[in-house]
Amino acid sequence: MEPNELQNIEASFDDHENEKYILRLFITGITPNSRRAVENINKICEEYLKGRYDLEVIDIYQEPDHAIESQIIAAPTLIKISPAPTRKLIGDLSDLKKVLSALDIKARI
């Protein structure tokens, strides 16, 4: 990777430091995977985004139209709506490095 490329990537991480995150987590009822996903994203948000996130948890059994509208094909699925770019993560969100990378959160772990 070129030095300028790396600097651009690091700068994009820094750009998100003060932005508000808008996240939607699609779950399927109270299954173990859904519960883990809710617990994991709550923990991540409180630790890395405290005071600058809006998390909406949507049960696709209760609100199937939201799942169709967002093109959800598996659950749990987390969608990062803002800041851009939009990203989708499928699973229980237990891989901290993967989640932080997808959310463009620069952190030392």
Protein backbone atom coordinates (compact mmCIF):
# COMPACT_ATOMS: atom_id res chain seq x y z
CA MET A 1 0.00 0.00 0.00
CA GLU A 2 1.30 3.42 -0.95
CA PRO A 3 2.03 5.91 1.89
CA ASN A 4 -0.55 8.38 0.51
CA GLU A 5 -3.21 5.65 0.39
CA LEU A 6 -2.59 4.80 4.03
CA GLN A 7 -2.77 8.48 5.02
CA ASN A 8 -6.11 8.84 3.19
CA ILE A 9 -7.53 5.82 5.00
CA GLU A 10 -6.35 7.12 8.38
CA ALA A 11 -7.78 10.56 7.60
CA SER A 12 -11.17 9.03 6.77
CA PHE A 13 -11.18 7.29 10.17
CA ASP A 14 -10.34 10.58 11.88
CA ASP A 15 -13.15 12.37 9.99
CA HIS A 16 -15.73 10.19 11.79
CA GLU A 17 -14.48 10.92 15.32
CA ASN A 18 -17.19 13.51 16.07
CA GLU A 19 -19.97 12.38 13.74
CA LYS A 20 -23.20 10.89 15.01
CA TYR A 21 -23.71 7.26 14.02
CA ILE A 22 -27.11 6.03 12.90
CA LEU A 23 -27.35 2.27 13.22
CA ARG A 24 -30.13 -0.27 12.68
CA LEU A 25 -29.93 -3.78 14.01
CA PHE A 26 -32.34 -6.30 12.53
CA ILE A 27 -33.03 -9.30 14.76
CA THR A 28 -35.34 -12.32 14.79
CA GLY A 29 -37.17 -12.35 18.09
CA ILE A 30 -35.30 -13.32 21.25
CA THR A 31 -33.05 -16.01 19.82
CA PRO A 32 -29.59 -16.47 21.36
CA ASN A 33 -27.92 -14.91 18.29
CA SER A 34 -30.25 -11.92 18.42
CA ARG A 35 -29.61 -11.40 22.13
CA ARG A 36 -25.84 -11.62 21.63
CA ALA A 37 -26.00 -9.14 18.76
CA VAL A 38 -27.99 -6.64 20.86
CA GLU A 39 -25.62 -7.04 23.82
CA ASN A 40 -22.50 -6.75 21.64
CA ILE A 41 -23.60 -3.66 19.71
CA ASN A 42 -24.80 -1.94 22.90
CA LYS A 43 -21.43 -2.60 24.53
CA ILE A 44 -19.52 -1.37 21.45
CA CYS A 45 -21.65 1.76 21.14
CA GLU A 46 -21.28 2.65 24.82
CA GLU A 47 -17.54 2.10 24.77
CA TYR A 48 -16.61 3.65 21.42
CA LEU A 49 -19.50 5.96 20.45
CA LYS A 50 -20.86 7.16 23.81
CA GLY A 51 -23.23 10.08 23.32
CA ARG A 52 -22.99 10.09 19.54
CA TYR A 53 -25.05 7.22 18.24
CA ASP A 54 -28.65 6.35 17.54
CA LEU A 55 -29.34 2.61 17.58
CA GLU A 56 -32.67 1.23 16.43
CA VAL A 57 -33.34 -2.46 17.05
CA ILE A 58 -35.93 -3.90 14.67
CA ASP A 59 -37.48 -7.33 15.14
CA ILE A 60 -38.21 -8.54 11.63
CA TYR A 61 -41.01 -10.77 12.95
CA GLN A 62 -42.77 -7.67 14.30
CA GLU A 63 -41.87 -5.31 11.43
CA PRO A 64 -41.27 -7.37 8.27
CA ASP A 65 -41.76 -4.35 5.98
CA HIS A 66 -38.58 -2.74 7.40
CA ALA A 67 -36.62 -5.87 6.60
CA ILE A 68 -37.93 -5.97 3.04
CA GLU A 69 -37.27 -2.26 2.58
CA SER A 70 -33.68 -2.63 3.84
CA GLN A 71 -33.12 -5.83 1.81
CA ILE A 72 -32.32 -7.95 4.86
CA ILE A 73 -31.58 -11.55 3.86
CA ALA A 74 -30.23 -12.82 7.20
CA ALA A 75 -30.46 -11.85 10.83
CA PRO A 76 -29.01 -10.48 12.93
CA THR A 77 -27.87 -7.77 10.51
CA LEU A 78 -26.45 -4.40 11.52
CA ILE A 79 -26.71 -1.51 9.06
CA LYS A 80 -24.55 1.57 9.49
CA ILE A 81 -26.58 4.29 7.84
CA SER A 82 -24.46 7.24 8.83
CA PRO A 83 -21.74 8.37 8.52
CA ALA A 84 -21.33 7.27 4.92
CA PRO A 85 -20.61 4.82 3.43
CA THR A 86 -23.51 2.54 4.35
CA ARG A 87 -22.32 -0.84 5.56
CA LYS A 88 -24.04 -4.12 6.50
CA LEU A 89 -22.71 -6.69 8.96
CA ILE A 90 -24.32 -10.09 9.41
CA GLY A 91 -23.93 -12.10 12.59
CA ASP A 92 -23.84 -11.66 16.35
CA LEU A 93 -21.23 -8.85 16.17
CA SER A 94 -18.81 -10.72 18.43
CA ASP A 95 -15.74 -10.04 16.25
CA LEU A 96 -14.79 -6.66 17.71
CA LYS A 97 -12.08 -5.84 15.15
CA LYS A 98 -14.42 -6.60 12.26
CA VAL A 99 -17.24 -4.51 13.72
CA LEU A 100 -15.00 -1.53 14.49
CA SER A 101 -13.49 -1.69 11.02
CA ALA A 102 -16.91 -1.86 9.35
CA LEU A 103 -18.11 1.09 11.43
CA ASP A 104 -14.92 3.05 10.62
CA ILE A 105 -14.08 3.35 14.31
CA LYS A 106 -10.41 3.82 14.98
CA ALA A 107 -9.55 2.22 18.29
CA ARG A 108 -6.71 0.49 20.03
CA ILE A 109 -7.70 -3.03 20.97
